[in-house]
Amino acid sequence: MEDSSQKKTRKIGRKPKKDPATFRYSISLNSEENARFLSLFEQSGMKVMAHFITACVFEKVIKTVKIDKSEMDYYMRLTTLYGQFRAVGVNYNQIVKLLYRNFSEKKAAAYLFKLEKATVEMAKLCQEIIRLTQEFEAKHFKKEE
């Protein structure tokens, strides 16, 4: 028979915390304060409101993340554009091979001249995109020192 003072420990469920949080507090906010509180909570990027409140009470560093729709839109379009440029590079190589394989030397050279003009225009466009992106980064992604 088993001693009642020695209980078997089961290995099912969560392990108990060494110092569980058992003290609870309640605060009341008016509608303006609640709106401000919720705004700060959303900007913090934290998932758990209790962790956010604890961080506020004990003056821990709270990160706020502001997401600007125009910044996200610019970034998404830039990413899409990058994918398109990669596709153009692959197609460029395929076109050059096909021109020399299917056309005479003179006709292939004429088409390559047109392709070269379009490539120069695309290179200018790329330089403009790089310039705009550098301006965008300097304006929106200033590093805090």
C-alpha atoms as a PDB file:
ATOM      1  CA  MET A   1       0.000   0.000   0.000  1.00  0.00           C
ATOM      2  CA  GLU A   2       1.041   3.524  -0.704  1.00  0.00           C
ATOM      3  CA  ASP A   3       1.672   6.142   1.899  1.00  0.00           C
ATOM      4  CA  SER A   4      -0.863   8.948   1.637  1.00  0.00           C
ATOM      5  CA  SER A   5       1.900  11.497   2.391  1.00  0.00           C
ATOM      6  CA  GLN A   6       3.759  10.459  -0.740  1.00  0.00           C
ATOM      7  CA  LYS A   7       1.606  11.280  -3.726  1.00  0.00           C
ATOM      8  CA  LYS A   8       2.570  10.275  -7.226  1.00  0.00           C
ATOM      9  CA  THR A   9       3.342  13.227  -9.426  1.00  0.00           C
ATOM     10  CA  ARG A  10       1.727  13.015 -12.804  1.00  0.00           C
ATOM     11  CA  LYS A  11       3.531  14.303 -15.861  1.00  0.00           C
ATOM     12  CA  ILE A  12       0.422  15.609 -17.554  1.00  0.00           C
ATOM     13  CA  GLY A  13      -0.368  19.277 -18.202  1.00  0.00           C
ATOM     14  CA  ARG A  14       1.656  22.397 -17.603  1.00  0.00           C
ATOM     15  CA  LYS A  15       4.492  22.586 -15.145  1.00  0.00           C
ATOM     16  CA  PRO A  16       3.480  24.841 -12.260  1.00  0.00           C
ATOM     17  CA  LYS A  17       5.200  28.248 -12.143  1.00  0.00           C
ATOM     18  CA  LYS A  18       7.634  28.916  -9.300  1.00  0.00           C
ATOM     19  CA  ASP A  19       6.099  32.308  -8.578  1.00  0.00           C
ATOM     20  CA  PRO A  20       2.647  32.511 -10.160  1.00  0.00           C
ATOM     21  CA  ALA A  21       0.998  35.903 -10.624  1.00  0.00           C
ATOM     22  CA  THR A  22      -1.934  35.821  -8.226  1.00  0.00           C
ATOM     23  CA  PHE A  23      -2.384  39.495  -7.392  1.00  0.00           C
ATOM     24  CA  ARG A  24      -4.912  41.294  -9.567  1.00  0.00           C
ATOM     25  CA  TYR A  25      -5.714  44.988  -9.869  1.00  0.00           C
ATOM     26  CA  SER A  26      -8.507  46.818 -11.621  1.00  0.00           C
ATOM     27  CA  ILE A  27      -8.519  50.305 -13.138  1.00  0.00           C
ATOM     28  CA  SER A  28     -11.291  52.334 -14.697  1.00  0.00           C
ATOM     29  CA  LEU A  29     -10.835  54.535 -17.758  1.00  0.00           C
ATOM     30  CA  ASN A  30     -13.187  56.974 -19.394  1.00  0.00           C
ATOM     31  CA  SER A  31     -13.802  56.695 -23.148  1.00  0.00           C
ATOM     32  CA  GLU A  32     -11.047  59.181 -24.082  1.00  0.00           C
ATOM     33  CA  GLU A  33      -8.462  57.467 -21.858  1.00  0.00           C
ATOM     34  CA  ASN A  34      -9.519  54.049 -23.161  1.00  0.00           C
ATOM     35  CA  ALA A  35      -9.108  55.162 -26.770  1.00  0.00           C
ATOM     36  CA  ARG A  36      -5.633  56.514 -25.966  1.00  0.00           C
ATOM     37  CA  PHE A  37      -4.733  53.334 -24.080  1.00  0.00           C
ATOM     38  CA  LEU A  38      -5.854  51.080 -26.942  1.00  0.00           C
ATOM     39  CA  SER A  39      -3.947  53.229 -29.427  1.00  0.00           C
ATOM     40  CA  LEU A  40      -0.753  52.897 -27.365  1.00  0.00           C
ATOM     41  CA  PHE A  41      -1.317  49.153 -27.011  1.00  0.00           C
ATOM     42  CA  GLU A  42      -1.709  48.730 -30.790  1.00  0.00           C
ATOM     43  CA  GLN A  43       1.390  50.842 -31.477  1.00  0.00           C
ATOM     44  CA  SER A  44       3.447  48.741 -29.066  1.00  0.00           C
ATOM     45  CA  GLY A  45       3.019  45.645 -31.205  1.00  0.00           C
ATOM     46  CA  MET A  46       2.595  43.496 -28.096  1.00  0.00           C
ATOM     47  CA  LYS A  47       0.181  40.600 -28.315  1.00  0.00           C
ATOM     48  CA  VAL A  48      -0.861  40.358 -24.655  1.00  0.00           C
ATOM     49  CA  MET A  49      -2.492  43.377 -23.019  1.00  0.00           C
ATOM     50  CA  ALA A  50      -1.420  42.266 -19.528  1.00  0.00           C
ATOM     51  CA  HIS A  51       2.235  42.308 -20.606  1.00  0.00           C
ATOM     52  CA  PHE A  52       1.764  45.798 -22.028  1.00  0.00           C
ATOM     53  CA  ILE A  53       0.204  47.087 -18.794  1.00  0.00           C
ATOM     54  CA  THR A  54       2.991  45.521 -16.712  1.00  0.00           C
ATOM     55  CA  ALA A  55       5.595  47.147 -18.961  1.00  0.00           C
ATOM     56  CA  CYS A  56       3.866  50.530 -18.528  1.00  0.00           C
ATOM     57  CA  VAL A  57       3.624  50.215 -14.744  1.00  0.00           C
ATOM     58  CA  PHE A  58       7.249  49.237 -14.268  1.00  0.00           C
ATOM     59  CA  GLU A  59       8.518  51.720 -16.877  1.00  0.00           C
ATOM     60  CA  LYS A  60      10.022  49.111 -19.142  1.00  0.00           C
ATOM     61  CA  VAL A  61      10.915  50.179 -22.667  1.00  0.00           C
ATOM     62  CA  ILE A  62       7.866  49.926 -24.857  1.00  0.00           C
ATOM     63  CA  LYS A  63       8.455  49.851 -28.575  1.00  0.00           C
ATOM     64  CA  THR A  64       5.909  51.587 -30.726  1.00  0.00           C
ATOM     65  CA  VAL A  65       5.566  50.603 -34.342  1.00  0.00           C
ATOM     66  CA  LYS A  66       3.868  52.943 -36.758  1.00  0.00           C
ATOM     67  CA  ILE A  67       2.862  51.434 -40.056  1.00  0.00           C
ATOM     68  CA  ASP A  68       2.358  53.968 -42.777  1.00  0.00           C
ATOM     69  CA  LYS A  69       0.155  52.657 -45.580  1.00  0.00           C
ATOM     70  CA  SER A  70       2.111  54.597 -48.203  1.00  0.00           C
ATOM     71  CA  GLU A  71       5.407  53.114 -46.989  1.00  0.00           C
ATOM     72  CA  MET A  72       4.013  49.581 -47.121  1.00  0.00           C
ATOM     73  CA  ASP A  73       2.547  50.227 -50.577  1.00  0.00           C
ATOM     74  CA  TYR A  74       5.875  51.578 -51.855  1.00  0.00           C
ATOM     75  CA  TYR A  75       7.751  48.611 -50.419  1.00  0.00           C
ATOM     76  CA  MET A  76       5.314  46.086 -51.914  1.00  0.00           C
ATOM     77  CA  ARG A  77       5.474  47.706 -55.349  1.00  0.00           C
ATOM     78  CA  LEU A  78       9.258  47.825 -55.181  1.00  0.00           C
ATOM     79  CA  THR A  79       9.358  44.116 -54.331  1.00  0.00           C
ATOM     80  CA  THR A  80       7.054  43.328 -57.258  1.00  0.00           C
ATOM     81  CA  LEU A  81       9.174  45.472 -59.554  1.00  0.00           C
ATOM     82  CA  TYR A  82      12.307  43.603 -58.481  1.00  0.00           C
ATOM     83  CA  GLY A  83      10.675  40.302 -59.463  1.00  0.00           C
ATOM     84  CA  GLN A  84       9.728  41.755 -62.837  1.00  0.00           C
ATOM     85  CA  PHE A  85      13.292  42.922 -63.479  1.00  0.00           C
ATOM     86  CA  ARG A  86      14.577  39.425 -62.806  1.00  0.00           C
ATOM     87  CA  ALA A  87      12.061  38.056 -65.315  1.00  0.00           C
ATOM     88  CA  VAL A  88      13.154  40.658 -67.888  1.00  0.00           C
ATOM     89  CA  GLY A  89      16.779  39.534 -67.463  1.00  0.00           C
ATOM     90  CA  VAL A  90      15.859  35.921 -68.146  1.00  0.00           C
ATOM     91  CA  ASN A  91      13.743  36.909 -71.148  1.00  0.00           C
ATOM     92  CA  TYR A  92      16.530  39.141 -72.474  1.00  0.00           C
ATOM     93  CA  ASN A  93      18.933  36.205 -72.699  1.00  0.00           C
ATOM     94  CA  GLN A  94      16.302  34.016 -74.378  1.00  0.00           C
ATOM     95  CA  ILE A  95      15.482  36.702 -76.962  1.00  0.00           C
ATOM     96  CA  VAL A  96      19.116  37.186 -77.961  1.00  0.00           C
ATOM     97  CA  LYS A  97      19.532  33.432 -78.498  1.00  0.00           C
ATOM     98  CA  LEU A  98      16.301  33.225 -80.516  1.00  0.00           C
ATOM     99  CA  LEU A  99      17.242  36.214 -82.701  1.00  0.00           C
ATOM    100  CA  TYR A 100      20.534  34.674 -83.773  1.00  0.00           C
ATOM    101  CA  ARG A 101      18.968  31.247 -84.227  1.00  0.00           C
ATOM    102  CA  ASN A 102      15.893  32.286 -86.289  1.00  0.00           C
ATOM    103  CA  PHE A 103      16.933  35.399 -88.224  1.00  0.00           C
ATOM    104  CA  SER A 104      19.722  36.427 -90.539  1.00  0.00           C
ATOM    105  CA  GLU A 105      22.696  38.287 -89.103  1.00  0.00           C
ATOM    106  CA  LYS A 106      21.491  41.642 -90.492  1.00  0.00           C
ATOM    107  CA  LYS A 107      17.884  41.272 -89.272  1.00  0.00           C
ATOM    108  CA  ALA A 108      19.039  40.029 -85.838  1.00  0.00           C
ATOM    109  CA  ALA A 109      21.350  43.066 -85.535  1.00  0.00           C
ATOM    110  CA  ALA A 110      18.428  45.407 -86.351  1.00  0.00           C
ATOM    111  CA  TYR A 111      16.256  43.822 -83.660  1.00  0.00           C
ATOM    112  CA  LEU A 112      19.144  43.895 -81.193  1.00  0.00           C
ATOM    113  CA  PHE A 113      19.562  47.612 -81.850  1.00  0.00           C
ATOM    114  CA  LYS A 114      15.894  48.157 -80.870  1.00  0.00           C
ATOM    115  CA  LEU A 115      16.367  45.944 -77.836  1.00  0.00           C
ATOM    116  CA  GLU A 116      19.470  47.921 -76.884  1.00  0.00           C
ATOM    117  CA  LYS A 117      17.534  51.222 -77.026  1.00  0.00           C
ATOM    118  CA  ALA A 118      14.836  49.782 -74.763  1.00  0.00           C
ATOM    119  CA  THR A 119      17.532  48.521 -72.391  1.00  0.00           C
ATOM    120  CA  VAL A 120      19.073  51.994 -72.138  1.00  0.00           C
ATOM    121  CA  GLU A 121      15.639  53.424 -71.271  1.00  0.00           C
ATOM    122  CA  MET A 122      15.172  50.708 -68.653  1.00  0.00           C
ATOM    123  CA  ALA A 123      18.620  51.471 -67.175  1.00  0.00           C
ATOM    124  CA  LYS A 124      17.624  55.144 -66.811  1.00  0.00           C
ATOM    125  CA  LEU A 125      14.414  54.049 -65.136  1.00  0.00           C
ATOM    126  CA  CYS A 126      16.407  51.825 -62.764  1.00  0.00           C
ATOM    127  CA  GLN A 127      18.640  54.750 -61.794  1.00  0.00           C
ATOM    128  CA  GLU A 128      15.547  56.848 -61.066  1.00  0.00           C
ATOM    129  CA  ILE A 129      14.075  54.030 -58.951  1.00  0.00           C
ATOM    130  CA  ILE A 130      17.332  53.740 -56.997  1.00  0.00           C
ATOM    131  CA  ARG A 131      17.385  57.517 -56.409  1.00  0.00           C
ATOM    132  CA  LEU A 132      13.757  57.544 -55.244  1.00  0.00           C
ATOM    133  CA  THR A 133      14.348  54.555 -52.978  1.00  0.00           C
ATOM    134  CA  GLN A 134      17.369  56.240 -51.368  1.00  0.00           C
ATOM    135  CA  GLU A 135      15.274  59.375 -50.773  1.00  0.00           C
ATOM    136  CA  PHE A 136      12.481  57.234 -49.348  1.00  0.00           C
ATOM    137  CA  GLU A 137      14.833  55.386 -46.998  1.00  0.00           C
ATOM    138  CA  ALA A 138      16.486  58.600 -45.833  1.00  0.00           C
ATOM    139  CA  LYS A 139      13.086  60.128 -45.093  1.00  0.00           C
ATOM    140  CA  HIS A 140      11.308  57.168 -43.498  1.00  0.00           C
ATOM    141  CA  PHE A 141      13.964  54.893 -42.053  1.00  0.00           C
ATOM    142  CA  LYS A 142      16.109  57.273 -40.039  1.00  0.00           C
ATOM    143  CA  LYS A 143      18.248  55.296 -37.614  1.00  0.00           C
ATOM    144  CA  GLU A 144      18.059  56.373 -34.008  1.00  0.00           C
ATOM    145  CA  GLU A 145      21.441  56.958 -32.447  1.00  0.00           C
END
